[in-house]
Amino acid sequence: MTGNDSSGDRGTAGGVGDRTPGVRPAGGGRVELTVPVDVNVPADVLWQVVSDLEGQSDWMLGTTVEITAGDGRSVGTELRAVTGVGPLGVADTMRVTEWTELPAGTTGERRIVVTHTGTVIRGDGVFVVVELGPARSRFLWTELLDLPLGALGRFGWPLVRPAFRAGVVHSLRRMAEATEDRYRAGR
């Protein structure tokens, strides 16, 4: 795994949201956080890992993901992710609004866009896999979040953002290492 530690944090229009149909760019009460990770596996292999929505429970820090409607591999799929421990967990309900999957062995961007539909977590999440070479790819996790609580949410985001970002970085490193290990072992 190779770290790619550009912060990708934006609070204005730009980035992934600009080219994603149905996703409003960051701006106003919306913030953007993008965390990339480079992984030494082919893009097809990385896509199989990150597009396994329930399998994300294995690598997302303190999170359990379950499919609540749909097939888990297409637009319209609904899911629920709970992050935390016991009664301190926060539920995040989502609906898949875009699913771009390429035939195996082809090049191009693979992408999943979800809309967060809960009462606390609102906005869009974008997962993108980009091929960097025959055995190297990049995963970008972007969150375009509508901050709750008005001015209080905008004030609190700079305090919460470092911990949120650290959790995403930890999760992506864990996923990248496990994916590389499985690939090297031929699994």
Protein backbone atom coordinates (compact mmCIF):
# COMPACT_ATOMS: atom_id res chain seq x y z
CA MET A 1 0.00 0.00 0.00
CA THR A 2 1.21 3.46 -0.80
CA GLY A 3 -0.21 6.35 1.14
CA ASN A 4 -1.58 9.23 -0.86
CA ASP A 5 -2.14 11.84 1.78
CA SER A 6 -3.50 14.84 -0.07
CA SER A 7 -6.07 16.23 2.30
CA GLY A 8 -8.84 16.62 -0.24
CA ASP A 9 -10.81 18.70 2.23
CA ARG A 10 -12.98 21.31 0.62
CA GLY A 11 -15.72 23.57 1.83
CA THR A 12 -16.52 25.12 -1.55
CA ALA A 13 -17.56 23.88 -4.94
CA GLY A 14 -15.11 21.55 -6.63
CA GLY A 15 -13.82 18.03 -6.78
CA VAL A 16 -15.72 14.81 -7.20
CA GLY A 17 -19.14 16.35 -6.60
CA ASP A 18 -18.86 18.57 -9.66
CA ARG A 19 -18.84 15.66 -12.09
CA THR A 20 -21.29 13.38 -10.36
CA PRO A 21 -24.82 13.63 -11.77
CA GLY A 22 -27.35 14.19 -9.01
CA VAL A 23 -24.70 15.20 -6.46
CA ARG A 24 -24.62 18.83 -5.40
CA PRO A 25 -21.12 20.29 -5.14
CA ALA A 26 -19.84 21.30 -1.73
CA GLY A 27 -20.87 24.78 -0.70
CA GLY A 28 -23.03 26.63 1.82
CA GLY A 29 -23.66 24.22 4.70
CA ARG A 30 -22.09 21.34 2.79
CA VAL A 31 -18.52 20.19 3.41
CA GLU A 32 -16.37 17.82 1.41
CA LEU A 33 -13.83 15.36 2.67
CA THR A 34 -11.90 13.20 0.19
CA VAL A 35 -9.39 10.58 1.30
CA PRO A 36 -7.42 8.62 -1.33
CA VAL A 37 -5.42 5.43 -0.92
CA ASP A 38 -3.23 3.74 -3.52
CA VAL A 39 -3.39 -0.05 -3.50
CA ASN A 40 -1.00 -2.47 -5.22
CA VAL A 41 -3.69 -4.58 -6.88
CA PRO A 42 -5.51 -4.37 -10.24
CA ALA A 43 -8.55 -2.09 -10.32
CA ASP A 44 -10.87 -5.09 -10.82
CA VAL A 45 -9.63 -6.63 -7.57
CA LEU A 46 -9.99 -3.38 -5.61
CA TRP A 47 -13.47 -2.81 -7.05
CA GLN A 48 -14.62 -6.25 -5.87
CA VAL A 49 -13.60 -5.32 -2.32
CA VAL A 50 -15.06 -1.81 -2.08
CA SER A 51 -18.27 -2.65 -3.98
CA ASP A 52 -19.09 -5.46 -1.54
CA LEU A 53 -21.28 -3.18 0.53
CA GLU A 54 -21.87 -5.55 3.45
CA GLY A 55 -18.21 -6.62 3.29
CA GLN A 56 -17.28 -3.04 4.18
CA SER A 57 -18.08 -4.08 7.76
CA ASP A 58 -14.74 -5.92 7.70
CA TRP A 59 -12.66 -2.78 7.15
CA MET A 60 -14.67 0.30 8.14
CA LEU A 61 -13.68 1.32 11.64
CA GLY A 62 -16.37 0.38 14.17
CA THR A 63 -19.04 0.00 11.48
CA THR A 64 -21.52 -2.71 10.57
CA VAL A 65 -23.19 -2.45 7.15
CA GLU A 66 -26.34 -4.28 6.11
CA ILE A 67 -28.37 -4.25 2.89
CA THR A 68 -31.99 -3.37 3.73
CA ALA A 69 -33.44 -3.37 0.20
CA GLY A 70 -32.28 -4.30 -3.28
CA ASP A 71 -29.55 -6.58 -4.53
CA GLY A 72 -26.55 -4.74 -3.06
CA ARG A 73 -25.01 -4.24 -6.52
CA SER A 74 -27.13 -1.63 -8.30
CA VAL A 75 -28.97 1.68 -8.19
CA GLY A 76 -31.86 1.58 -5.74
CA THR A 77 -30.07 -0.59 -3.18
CA GLU A 78 -30.69 0.66 0.35
CA LEU A 79 -28.35 0.07 3.23
CA ARG A 80 -27.88 0.88 6.88
CA ALA A 81 -24.48 1.41 8.48
CA VAL A 82 -24.14 1.68 12.23
CA THR A 83 -20.91 3.18 13.55
CA GLY A 84 -20.11 3.07 17.23
CA VAL A 85 -20.54 0.74 20.17
CA GLY A 86 -23.89 -0.40 21.53
CA PRO A 87 -26.27 2.44 22.35
CA LEU A 88 -23.60 4.97 21.35
CA GLY A 89 -23.88 3.93 17.69
CA VAL A 90 -25.00 6.32 14.98
CA ALA A 91 -27.19 4.85 12.23
CA ASP A 92 -26.57 6.04 8.67
CA THR A 93 -29.21 5.04 6.13
CA MET A 94 -28.32 5.33 2.45
CA ARG A 95 -29.66 4.72 -1.02
CA VAL A 96 -27.42 3.92 -4.01
CA THR A 97 -28.04 6.58 -6.69
CA GLU A 98 -25.26 5.64 -9.10
CA TRP A 99 -23.44 2.39 -9.81
CA THR A 100 -20.84 2.40 -12.58
CA GLU A 101 -19.26 -1.01 -12.95
CA LEU A 102 -17.05 -1.90 -15.90
CA PRO A 103 -16.58 -5.32 -17.48
CA ALA A 104 -13.56 -7.14 -16.05
CA GLY A 105 -10.31 -6.22 -17.74
CA THR A 106 -11.50 -2.85 -19.08
CA THR A 107 -10.14 0.51 -18.04
CA GLY A 108 -12.04 3.48 -16.72
CA GLU A 109 -13.52 4.81 -13.54
CA ARG A 110 -15.69 2.57 -11.37
CA ARG A 111 -18.03 4.49 -9.09
CA ILE A 112 -20.71 4.14 -6.44
CA VAL A 113 -22.67 7.16 -5.22
CA VAL A 114 -24.97 6.94 -2.22
CA THR A 115 -27.32 9.52 -0.78
CA HIS A 116 -27.36 9.60 3.01
CA THR A 117 -31.07 9.61 3.90
CA GLY A 118 -31.01 9.69 7.70
CA THR A 119 -32.02 12.46 10.05
CA VAL A 120 -28.50 13.17 11.33
CA ILE A 121 -26.24 12.18 8.43
CA ARG A 122 -27.31 13.84 5.17
CA GLY A 123 -25.49 14.37 1.90
CA ASP A 124 -23.71 12.12 -0.57
CA GLY A 125 -20.93 9.58 -0.39
CA VAL A 126 -18.81 8.70 -3.43
CA PHE A 127 -16.53 5.68 -3.85
CA VAL A 128 -14.28 5.75 -6.92
CA VAL A 129 -11.73 3.21 -8.14
CA VAL A 130 -9.22 4.38 -10.75
CA GLU A 131 -6.66 2.18 -12.50
CA LEU A 132 -3.08 3.46 -12.14
CA GLY A 133 -1.42 0.53 -13.91
CA PRO A 134 -1.88 -3.20 -14.47
CA ALA A 135 -1.38 -4.04 -10.77
CA ARG A 136 -1.99 -0.68 -9.10
CA SER A 137 -5.13 1.33 -8.43
CA ARG A 138 -6.44 4.21 -6.35
CA PHE A 139 -9.54 4.31 -4.19
CA LEU A 140 -11.06 7.67 -3.34
CA TRP A 141 -13.64 7.97 -0.59
CA THR A 142 -15.48 11.29 -0.71
CA GLU A 143 -18.16 12.51 1.65
CA LEU A 144 -20.20 15.59 0.73
CA LEU A 145 -22.03 16.20 3.98
CA ASP A 146 -24.83 18.60 4.80
CA LEU A 147 -23.92 19.68 8.30
CA PRO A 148 -26.72 19.39 10.86
CA LEU A 149 -27.57 22.01 13.49
CA GLY A 150 -27.01 25.12 11.35
CA ALA A 151 -24.35 27.49 12.70
CA LEU A 152 -23.48 25.04 15.49
CA GLY A 153 -22.70 22.34 12.91
CA ARG A 154 -20.55 24.73 10.86
CA PHE A 155 -18.70 25.76 14.04
CA GLY A 156 -18.24 22.16 15.18
CA TRP A 157 -17.04 20.71 11.85
CA PRO A 158 -13.44 21.96 12.20
CA LEU A 159 -13.33 20.23 15.59
CA VAL A 160 -14.86 16.94 14.36
CA ARG A 161 -13.18 16.78 10.94
CA PRO A 162 -9.70 15.63 12.13
CA ALA A 163 -11.15 12.64 14.03
CA PHE A 164 -13.53 11.78 11.19
CA ARG A 165 -10.69 11.95 8.65
CA ALA A 166 -8.39 9.87 10.90
CA GLY A 167 -11.07 7.16 11.09
CA VAL A 168 -11.43 7.10 7.30
CA VAL A 169 -7.64 6.98 6.82
CA HIS A 170 -7.38 4.10 9.30
CA SER A 171 -10.18 2.21 7.55
CA LEU A 172 -8.65 2.69 4.10
CA ARG A 173 -5.22 1.57 5.25
CA ARG A 174 -6.71 -1.55 6.81
CA MET A 175 -8.68 -2.31 3.63
CA ALA A 176 -5.63 -1.70 1.41
CA GLU A 177 -3.32 -3.93 3.45
CA ALA A 178 -5.84 -6.78 3.63
CA THR A 179 -6.59 -6.52 -0.09
CA GLU A 180 -2.88 -6.58 -1.01
CA ASP A 181 -2.26 -9.54 1.30
CA ARG A 182 -5.13 -11.54 -0.24
CA TYR A 183 -3.99 -10.65 -3.77
CA ARG A 184 -0.39 -11.72 -3.08
CA ALA A 185 -1.64 -14.97 -1.57
CA GLY A 186 -3.75 -15.64 -4.68
CA ARG A 187 -7.11 -15.39 -2.90
